[in-house]
Each structure stands twice: as structure tokens, then as C-alpha cells.
N, C-alpha and C. Protein backbone atom coordinates (compact mmCIF):
# COMPACT_ATOMS: atom_id res chain seq x y z
N MET A 1 0.94 -1.12 -0.04
CA MET A 1 0.28 0.02 -0.12
C MET A 1 1.15 1.06 0.13
N ARG A 2 2.11 1.08 0.71
CA ARG A 2 2.93 2.30 0.67
C ARG A 2 3.51 2.73 -0.75
N TYR A 3 3.90 1.23 -1.05
CA TYR A 3 4.32 1.47 -2.25
C TYR A 3 3.71 2.23 -3.38
N LEU A 4 2.53 1.90 -3.49
CA LEU A 4 1.32 2.64 -4.20
C LEU A 4 1.16 3.91 -4.26
N ASP A 5 0.68 4.49 -2.70
CA ASP A 5 1.14 5.81 -2.38
C ASP A 5 2.10 6.67 -3.06
N ARG A 6 3.54 5.85 -2.79
CA ARG A 6 4.36 7.02 -3.09
C ARG A 6 4.34 7.01 -4.54
N THR A 7 4.17 5.84 -5.50
CA THR A 7 3.89 5.88 -7.00
C THR A 7 3.06 6.83 -7.48
N LEU A 8 1.76 6.95 -6.99
CA LEU A 8 0.86 7.59 -6.90
C LEU A 8 1.41 9.25 -6.90
N ARG A 9 1.93 9.46 -5.78
CA ARG A 9 2.22 10.82 -5.60
C ARG A 9 3.54 11.31 -6.63
N ILE A 10 4.48 10.27 -7.13
CA ILE A 10 5.28 10.69 -7.99
C ILE A 10 4.50 10.40 -9.59
N ILE A 11 3.59 10.29 -9.96
CA ILE A 11 2.81 10.00 -11.10
C ILE A 11 2.28 11.80 -11.24
N ILE A 12 1.81 12.14 -9.59
CA ILE A 12 0.78 13.35 -9.65
C ILE A 12 1.83 14.52 -10.07
N ILE A 13 2.73 14.40 -9.22
CA ILE A 13 4.12 15.70 -9.41
C ILE A 13 4.46 15.62 -10.84
N GLY A 14 4.81 14.70 -11.32
CA GLY A 14 4.84 14.55 -12.81
C GLY A 14 4.08 15.02 -13.88
N VAL A 15 2.89 14.87 -13.50
CA VAL A 15 1.77 15.47 -14.23
C VAL A 15 1.62 17.19 -14.21
N ILE A 16 1.67 17.18 -12.96
CA ILE A 16 1.84 18.72 -12.66
C ILE A 16 2.65 19.73 -13.34
N ILE A 17 4.26 19.05 -13.18
CA ILE A 17 5.26 19.65 -13.74
C ILE A 17 5.11 19.68 -15.14
N SER A 18 4.53 18.46 -16.07
CA SER A 18 4.36 18.82 -17.36
C SER A 18 3.13 19.72 -17.68
N GLY A 19 2.08 20.00 -16.81
CA GLY A 19 1.27 20.58 -17.13
C GLY A 19 1.93 22.03 -17.04
N PHE A 20 2.64 22.76 -16.34
CA PHE A 20 3.20 23.72 -15.86
C PHE A 20 4.20 23.90 -17.14
N TYR A 21 5.12 23.03 -17.95
CA TYR A 21 6.00 22.99 -18.89
C TYR A 21 4.76 23.32 -20.13
N ILE A 22 3.74 22.82 -20.45
CA ILE A 22 3.05 22.83 -21.54
C ILE A 22 2.50 24.49 -21.40
N ILE A 23 2.02 24.74 -20.33
CA ILE A 23 1.33 25.98 -20.50
C ILE A 23 2.41 27.20 -20.42
N LEU A 24 3.80 27.08 -20.43
CA LEU A 24 4.53 27.77 -20.56
C LEU A 24 5.22 27.92 -21.72
N SER A 25 5.05 26.77 -22.47
CA SER A 25 5.44 26.65 -24.04
C SER A 25 4.46 26.97 -24.94
N LEU A 26 2.99 27.19 -24.49
CA LEU A 26 2.19 27.63 -25.35
C LEU A 26 2.18 29.26 -25.75
N PRO A 27 1.85 29.32 -27.29
CA PRO A 27 2.01 30.71 -27.44
C PRO A 27 1.31 31.66 -26.70
N ARG A 28 1.53 33.10 -26.65
CA ARG A 28 0.82 34.30 -25.75
C ARG A 28 0.13 34.62 -26.50
N TRP A 29 -1.00 34.68 -26.16
CA TRP A 29 -2.25 35.69 -27.22
C TRP A 29 -2.48 36.78 -26.86
N ASN A 30 -2.07 37.26 -25.58
CA ASN A 30 -2.18 38.60 -25.03
C ASN A 30 -0.80 39.17 -25.38
N ASP A 31 -0.07 39.22 -26.12
CA ASP A 31 0.93 40.28 -26.41
C ASP A 31 0.88 41.07 -27.40
N GLY A 32 -0.23 41.29 -28.06
CA GLY A 32 -0.70 42.02 -28.94
C GLY A 32 0.18 41.96 -30.51
N PRO A 33 -0.32 42.86 -31.30
CA PRO A 33 0.51 42.73 -32.51
C PRO A 33 1.79 42.74 -32.73
N PRO A 34 2.66 42.21 -33.60
CA PRO A 34 3.79 42.60 -33.81
C PRO A 34 4.56 43.81 -33.83
N PRO A 35 5.73 44.01 -33.66
CA PRO A 35 6.20 45.45 -33.55
C PRO A 35 6.16 46.04 -34.82
N PRO A 36 5.86 47.35 -35.16
CA PRO A 36 6.13 47.93 -36.60
C PRO A 36 7.64 47.25 -37.47
N ARG A 37 8.69 47.14 -36.99
CA ARG A 37 10.07 46.97 -37.56
C ARG A 37 9.62 45.64 -37.86
N LEU A 38 9.22 44.60 -37.14
CA LEU A 38 8.96 43.33 -37.61
C LEU A 38 7.97 43.40 -39.04
N LEU A 39 6.94 44.02 -38.71
CA LEU A 39 5.81 44.57 -39.97
C LEU A 39 6.48 44.99 -41.06
N ASN A 40 7.84 45.76 -40.96
CA ASN A 40 8.21 46.62 -42.26
C ASN A 40 9.14 45.58 -42.76
N SER A 41 9.56 44.67 -42.19
CA SER A 41 10.37 43.71 -43.22
C SER A 41 9.62 42.80 -43.70
N GLY A 42 8.62 42.34 -43.34
CA GLY A 42 7.35 41.66 -44.08
C GLY A 42 7.18 42.56 -45.31
N ILE A 43 6.62 43.86 -45.29
CA ILE A 43 6.49 44.84 -46.08
C ILE A 43 7.29 44.85 -47.29
N PHE A 44 8.75 44.91 -46.60
CA PHE A 44 10.00 44.88 -47.86
C PHE A 44 9.85 43.44 -48.64
N LYS A 45 9.92 42.25 -47.76
CA LYS A 45 9.85 41.07 -48.72
C LYS A 45 8.46 41.03 -49.63
N SER A 46 7.71 41.73 -49.25
CA SER A 46 6.45 41.87 -50.36
C SER A 46 6.92 42.70 -51.51
N ILE A 47 7.41 43.89 -50.99
CA ILE A 47 7.80 44.72 -52.34
C ILE A 47 8.63 43.97 -53.17
N ILE A 48 9.51 43.64 -52.51
CA ILE A 48 10.58 42.62 -53.55
C ILE A 48 10.11 41.52 -54.33
N GLY A 49 9.16 40.84 -53.45
CA GLY A 49 8.75 39.58 -54.25
C GLY A 49 7.76 40.25 -55.72
N ALA A 50 7.00 41.24 -55.38
CA ALA A 50 6.24 42.39 -56.61
C ALA A 50 7.06 42.58 -57.66
N LEU A 51 8.13 43.34 -57.07
CA LEU A 51 9.39 44.04 -58.20
C LEU A 51 9.72 42.86 -58.95
N SER A 52 9.85 41.42 -58.27
CA SER A 52 10.50 40.77 -58.87
C SER A 52 9.68 40.31 -60.24
N MET A 53 8.36 39.91 -59.48
CA MET A 53 7.34 39.25 -60.62
C MET A 53 6.93 40.08 -61.93
N TYR A 54 6.90 41.56 -61.51
CA TYR A 54 6.63 42.43 -62.24
C TYR A 54 7.91 42.48 -63.21
N HIS A 55 9.06 42.41 -62.90
CA HIS A 55 10.43 42.45 -63.72
C HIS A 55 10.14 41.08 -64.96
N GLN A 56 9.53 40.03 -64.09
CA GLN A 56 9.63 38.56 -65.11
C GLN A 56 8.67 39.00 -66.20
N ASP A 57 7.67 39.48 -65.77
CA ASP A 57 6.28 39.60 -66.74
C ASP A 57 6.72 40.39 -68.00
N PHE A 58 7.44 41.76 -67.57
CA PHE A 58 7.44 42.83 -68.74
C PHE A 58 9.19 42.92 -68.83
N GLY A 59 10.07 42.49 -68.18
CA GLY A 59 11.42 42.62 -68.66
C GLY A 59 12.13 44.09 -68.12
N PHE A 60 11.47 44.99 -67.42
CA PHE A 60 11.87 45.85 -66.63
C PHE A 60 11.01 46.41 -65.32
N PHE A 61 11.44 46.99 -64.54
CA PHE A 61 10.74 47.49 -63.20
C PHE A 61 9.69 48.86 -63.75
N PRO A 62 8.62 48.85 -62.76
CA PRO A 62 8.04 49.91 -62.87
C PRO A 62 8.43 51.32 -63.05
N LYS A 63 7.96 52.22 -63.85
CA LYS A 63 8.61 53.57 -63.16
C LYS A 63 7.94 54.13 -62.25
N GLU A 64 6.52 53.95 -62.21
CA GLU A 64 5.61 53.91 -61.28
C GLU A 64 5.17 52.79 -60.37
N MET A 65 5.47 53.17 -58.75
CA MET A 65 4.89 51.66 -57.89
C MET A 65 3.46 51.54 -58.32
N THR A 66 2.64 52.46 -58.51
CA THR A 66 1.11 51.89 -58.72
C THR A 66 1.25 50.88 -59.56
N ALA A 67 2.04 50.39 -60.21
CA ALA A 67 1.71 49.53 -61.34
C ALA A 67 1.80 48.06 -60.87
N LEU A 68 2.24 48.12 -59.56
CA LEU A 68 2.06 46.83 -58.67
C LEU A 68 0.81 46.48 -58.61
N ILE A 69 0.14 47.36 -58.11
CA ILE A 69 -1.38 47.31 -57.68
C ILE A 69 -2.33 47.05 -58.95
N GLY A 70 -2.08 47.03 -60.09
CA GLY A 70 -2.67 46.73 -61.39
C GLY A 70 -2.66 48.05 -61.78
N ARG A 71 -2.03 49.01 -62.25
CA ARG A 71 -2.18 49.91 -62.94
C ARG A 71 -1.09 49.58 -63.91
N ASN A 72 -0.81 48.68 -64.43
CA ASN A 72 0.35 48.52 -65.86
C ASN A 72 -0.76 47.98 -66.82
N PRO A 73 -0.07 47.95 -68.14
CA PRO A 73 -0.87 47.06 -69.32
C PRO A 73 -1.61 46.12 -69.36
N GLN A 74 -1.50 45.24 -68.73
CA GLN A 74 -2.12 43.71 -68.55
C GLN A 74 -2.90 43.88 -67.10
N ARG A 75 -2.96 44.68 -66.48
CA ARG A 75 -3.83 45.23 -65.17
C ARG A 75 -3.73 44.04 -64.09
N ARG A 76 -2.21 43.56 -64.21
CA ARG A 76 -2.13 42.52 -62.95
C ARG A 76 -1.72 43.06 -61.71
N VAL A 77 -2.16 42.22 -60.49
CA VAL A 77 -1.63 42.82 -59.22
C VAL A 77 -0.71 42.12 -58.52
N TYR A 78 0.56 42.74 -58.54
CA TYR A 78 1.16 42.43 -57.77
C TYR A 78 1.48 42.32 -55.91
N ILE A 79 0.85 43.24 -55.70
CA ILE A 79 0.70 43.32 -54.28
C ILE A 79 -0.37 43.74 -53.90
N LYS A 80 -0.89 43.88 -52.67
CA LYS A 80 -1.94 44.24 -51.91
C LYS A 80 -2.11 45.70 -51.71
N PRO A 81 -3.26 46.16 -52.32
CA PRO A 81 -3.43 47.67 -52.85
C PRO A 81 -3.44 48.54 -51.14
N GLU A 82 -3.40 47.86 -50.15
CA GLU A 82 -3.21 48.35 -48.78
C GLU A 82 -2.08 48.93 -48.45
N TYR A 83 -1.28 48.38 -48.85
CA TYR A 83 0.45 48.71 -48.81
C TYR A 83 0.81 50.33 -49.58
N VAL A 84 0.20 50.88 -50.52
CA VAL A 84 0.24 51.86 -51.19
C VAL A 84 -0.97 52.96 -50.74
N SER A 85 -0.14 53.94 -50.53
CA SER A 85 -1.23 55.34 -50.01
C SER A 85 -0.54 56.59 -51.27
N LYS A 86 -1.46 57.16 -51.53
CA LYS A 86 -1.05 58.30 -52.45
C LYS A 86 0.24 57.84 -53.67
N GLY A 87 -0.29 56.66 -54.01
CA GLY A 87 0.99 56.46 -55.09
C GLY A 87 2.09 55.82 -54.92
N LYS A 88 2.43 55.69 -53.20
CA LYS A 88 3.95 55.18 -52.68
C LYS A 88 3.67 54.15 -51.66
N PHE A 89 4.45 53.17 -51.30
CA PHE A 89 4.38 52.31 -50.32
C PHE A 89 4.22 53.20 -48.95
N SER A 90 3.62 52.36 -48.14
CA SER A 90 3.45 53.08 -46.47
C SER A 90 4.21 51.87 -45.74
N ASP A 91 4.93 52.35 -44.70
CA ASP A 91 5.36 51.29 -43.85
C ASP A 91 4.21 51.07 -42.62
N ALA A 92 4.97 50.57 -41.93
CA ALA A 92 4.15 50.31 -40.56
C ALA A 92 3.32 51.62 -39.79
N TRP A 93 4.06 52.54 -39.98
CA TRP A 93 3.71 53.90 -39.06
C TRP A 93 2.86 54.47 -40.42
N GLY A 94 2.91 54.44 -41.11
CA GLY A 94 2.00 54.81 -42.45
C GLY A 94 3.05 55.99 -43.10
N ASN A 95 4.41 55.93 -43.21
CA ASN A 95 5.20 57.29 -43.80
C ASN A 95 5.64 56.58 -44.71
N PRO A 96 5.87 57.27 -45.73
CA PRO A 96 6.40 56.63 -47.05
C PRO A 96 7.73 55.54 -47.01
N ILE A 97 7.67 54.52 -47.80
CA ILE A 97 8.97 53.80 -47.91
C ILE A 97 9.60 54.53 -49.48
N VAL A 98 11.13 54.68 -48.98
CA VAL A 98 11.91 55.18 -49.91
C VAL A 98 12.55 53.75 -50.96
N ILE A 99 12.27 53.64 -52.31
CA ILE A 99 12.61 52.51 -53.29
C ILE A 99 13.36 53.43 -54.27
N ILE A 100 14.74 52.83 -54.11
CA ILE A 100 15.85 53.20 -55.08
C ILE A 100 15.88 52.03 -55.94
N ILE A 101 15.94 52.08 -56.98
CA ILE A 101 16.09 50.77 -57.90
C ILE A 101 17.54 51.45 -58.76
N ASP A 102 18.53 50.32 -59.26
CA ASP A 102 19.60 50.50 -59.68
C ASP A 102 19.45 50.84 -61.21
N PRO A 103 19.85 52.03 -61.92
CA PRO A 103 19.22 51.71 -63.43
C PRO A 103 19.95 50.79 -64.01
N LYS A 104 20.91 50.06 -63.59
CA LYS A 104 21.30 48.46 -64.58
C LYS A 104 20.52 47.39 -63.53
N GLU A 105 19.34 47.42 -63.01
CA GLU A 105 18.50 46.89 -62.35
C GLU A 105 19.33 45.48 -61.68
N LYS A 106 20.33 46.15 -60.96
CA LYS A 106 21.04 45.07 -60.54
C LYS A 106 20.79 44.56 -58.86
N TRP A 107 20.14 46.13 -58.23
CA TRP A 107 20.02 45.92 -56.96
C TRP A 107 18.75 46.75 -56.69
N VAL A 108 18.28 46.56 -55.14
CA VAL A 108 16.98 47.71 -54.71
C VAL A 108 17.44 47.99 -53.43
N LYS A 109 17.26 49.14 -53.22
CA LYS A 109 17.45 49.54 -51.79
C LYS A 109 16.06 49.93 -51.43
N LEU A 110 15.51 49.52 -50.08
CA LEU A 110 14.07 50.19 -49.69
C LEU A 110 14.68 50.63 -48.20
N ILE A 111 14.11 51.59 -47.76
CA ILE A 111 14.05 52.18 -46.73
C ILE A 111 12.92 52.88 -46.32
N SER A 112 12.87 52.55 -44.77
CA SER A 112 11.55 53.09 -43.77
C SER A 112 12.35 53.79 -42.70
N TYR A 113 12.32 55.27 -42.65
CA TYR A 113 12.42 56.10 -42.05
C TYR A 113 12.14 55.83 -40.47
N GLY A 114 11.17 54.77 -40.15
CA GLY A 114 10.70 54.83 -38.85
C GLY A 114 9.42 55.44 -38.31
N ALA A 115 9.16 55.51 -36.91
CA ALA A 115 8.09 56.24 -36.70
C ALA A 115 8.22 57.65 -36.80
N ASN A 116 9.15 58.33 -36.73
CA ASN A 116 8.98 59.76 -36.78
C ASN A 116 9.16 60.25 -38.20
N GLY A 117 9.55 59.32 -39.39
CA GLY A 117 9.85 59.75 -40.93
C GLY A 117 10.75 60.39 -41.14
N LYS A 118 11.59 60.61 -40.45
CA LYS A 118 12.86 61.12 -40.83
C LYS A 118 14.19 60.27 -40.92
N LYS A 119 15.06 60.82 -41.35
CA LYS A 119 16.21 60.04 -41.59
C LYS A 119 17.42 60.29 -40.15
N ASP A 120 17.18 59.28 -39.84
CA ASP A 120 18.35 59.33 -38.44
C ASP A 120 19.86 59.12 -38.66
N ILE A 121 20.30 59.58 -37.84
CA ILE A 121 21.87 59.48 -37.80
C ILE A 121 22.52 57.82 -37.60
N ALA A 122 23.09 57.82 -38.16
CA ALA A 122 23.67 56.10 -37.87
C ALA A 122 24.25 56.26 -36.67
N GLY A 123 24.08 55.13 -36.02
CA GLY A 123 24.68 55.02 -34.51
C GLY A 123 24.21 55.65 -33.77
N ASP A 124 23.25 56.35 -33.80
CA ASP A 124 22.34 56.95 -33.16
C ASP A 124 21.55 55.87 -32.02
N THR A 125 21.14 56.24 -30.72
CA THR A 125 20.66 54.99 -30.15
C THR A 125 19.08 55.17 -30.17
N ASN A 126 18.75 56.27 -30.77
CA ASN A 126 17.15 56.39 -31.22
C ASN A 126 17.09 56.06 -32.79
N ASN A 127 18.12 55.67 -33.59
CA ASN A 127 17.65 55.48 -34.80
C ASN A 127 16.77 54.07 -35.05
N ASP A 128 15.46 54.49 -35.40
CA ASP A 128 14.69 53.52 -36.18
C ASP A 128 14.38 53.27 -37.16
N ASP A 129 15.41 53.89 -38.36
CA ASP A 129 15.42 53.62 -39.47
C ASP A 129 15.48 51.94 -39.99
N LEU A 130 14.74 51.71 -41.07
CA LEU A 130 15.00 50.17 -41.55
C LEU A 130 15.40 50.59 -42.76
N VAL A 131 16.77 50.05 -43.21
CA VAL A 131 17.31 50.14 -44.40
C VAL A 131 17.40 48.67 -44.87
N LYS A 132 17.17 48.02 -46.10
CA LYS A 132 17.44 46.72 -46.70
C LYS A 132 17.98 46.96 -47.98
N ASN A 133 18.82 45.96 -48.58
CA ASN A 133 19.61 46.04 -49.90
C ASN A 133 19.39 44.65 -50.49
N TYR A 134 18.88 44.94 -51.59
CA TYR A 134 18.67 43.30 -52.43
C TYR A 134 19.29 43.14 -53.58
N TYR A 135 20.08 42.22 -53.92
CA TYR A 135 20.97 42.07 -54.90
C TYR A 135 20.43 41.00 -55.82
N ARG A 136 20.42 41.26 -57.10
CA ARG A 136 19.89 40.19 -58.02
C ARG A 136 21.20 39.22 -58.16
N ILE A 137 20.66 37.79 -57.86
CA ILE A 137 21.44 36.90 -57.96
C ILE A 137 21.10 36.11 -59.42
N ASP A 138 20.24 36.05 -60.02
CA ASP A 138 20.35 35.30 -61.36
C ASP A 138 18.87 35.80 -61.67
N ASN A 139 18.01 35.09 -63.05
CA ASN A 139 16.82 35.40 -63.46
C ASN A 139 15.94 35.97 -62.67
N GLY A 140 15.22 36.72 -61.45
CA GLY A 140 14.31 36.64 -60.94
C GLY A 140 14.70 36.36 -59.47
N ASN A 141 15.80 35.92 -59.03
CA ASN A 141 15.87 35.67 -57.70
C ASN A 141 16.88 37.01 -57.26
N TRP A 142 16.27 37.39 -55.79
CA TRP A 142 16.67 38.25 -55.05
C TRP A 142 17.47 37.90 -53.67
N ALA A 143 18.89 38.31 -53.37
CA ALA A 143 18.93 38.22 -52.03
C ALA A 143 19.20 39.23 -51.17
N GLU A 144 18.94 39.50 -49.62
CA GLU A 144 18.87 40.52 -48.76
C GLU A 144 20.76 40.44 -48.80
N ALA A 145 21.24 41.85 -48.80
CA ALA A 145 22.62 41.86 -48.45
C ALA A 145 23.19 41.82 -47.06
N THR A 146 23.91 40.91 -46.99
CA THR A 146 24.13 41.12 -45.31
C THR A 146 24.76 42.58 -44.65
N ASN A 147 25.16 43.48 -45.44
CA ASN A 147 25.45 44.68 -44.82
C ASN A 147 24.37 45.69 -45.05
N SER A 148 23.47 45.83 -44.66
CA SER A 148 22.35 46.59 -45.21
C SER A 148 22.00 48.37 -44.83
N ASN A 149 23.39 48.85 -44.66
CA ASN A 149 23.20 50.38 -44.27
C ASN A 149 24.42 50.68 -45.29
């Protein structure tokens, strides 16, 4: 009988510890939305994907970014219209995203000036700018540069 009580206690303790482990490993539902900087990375990837698909279809990059939301000769939509405001792409704060395309179409630079919408000084502790460089590695494929500033 004593052996059975001891075994039962060990099992109960194991179940309790396992329960705590499961609860702690579940995703937190009350953390709120992801931070804007993370959202901007997703927007940047969407823009690069849309530019790449447009380039594959037409052989060149669009002169106006509204071409990616269907204002092109074939009326194809390459990216969600909610990313575009007043003919420009907007970051997670609603500020314009600067898109610089190499004239030889070998690289694209995307810049979000962060919550304040202004270019910050490199190395400043309050610098919230997000700058990403993408290089063309072959037909239609892009790679993000390791040094993005």
C-alpha cells in the first residue's frame, strides 16, 4: 500500500510539472500585434517579391509603383493595394517607403525612416530607420545583402 501511495505521488508530481511546461510553452495570445519594425520587414519582402514578378512579366521595373497594384498594361496585381497610399508604399507607421532601383537593375534599396518619418543618424541610439539592400543573383531571384546600411 505504501509503495502504491509513493508511486501515485510521483505520477501526480510529474503530471503537474508537465502541465506547467505545456502552459509555459504555449504561444501568448495577449502580447498584441507584432512590432512595426517586424511588420516593415514583411512589407519589404512583399515589395521585392512584387518587383521581381513584375520584372519577370515585363522585362523591366515599373517607373511608378502603382503599376504593382494593377495600373499596368495587363492590369495584373502584384501586391496588396493597402500597402500603397497616395501612389507610394507605406511602412507600418504610415510613412512613405523610399524605393531606390539601380539603373542597371542589379539592386534595389528599400528604406523606412521609422516612426518619426525622418532620416536618423547612423549609430544614434534612437535610430529607428530600417534599410535593406537586395541584390539580383540570377533571373528573378534576389538576396538580401548582409550589410544593409
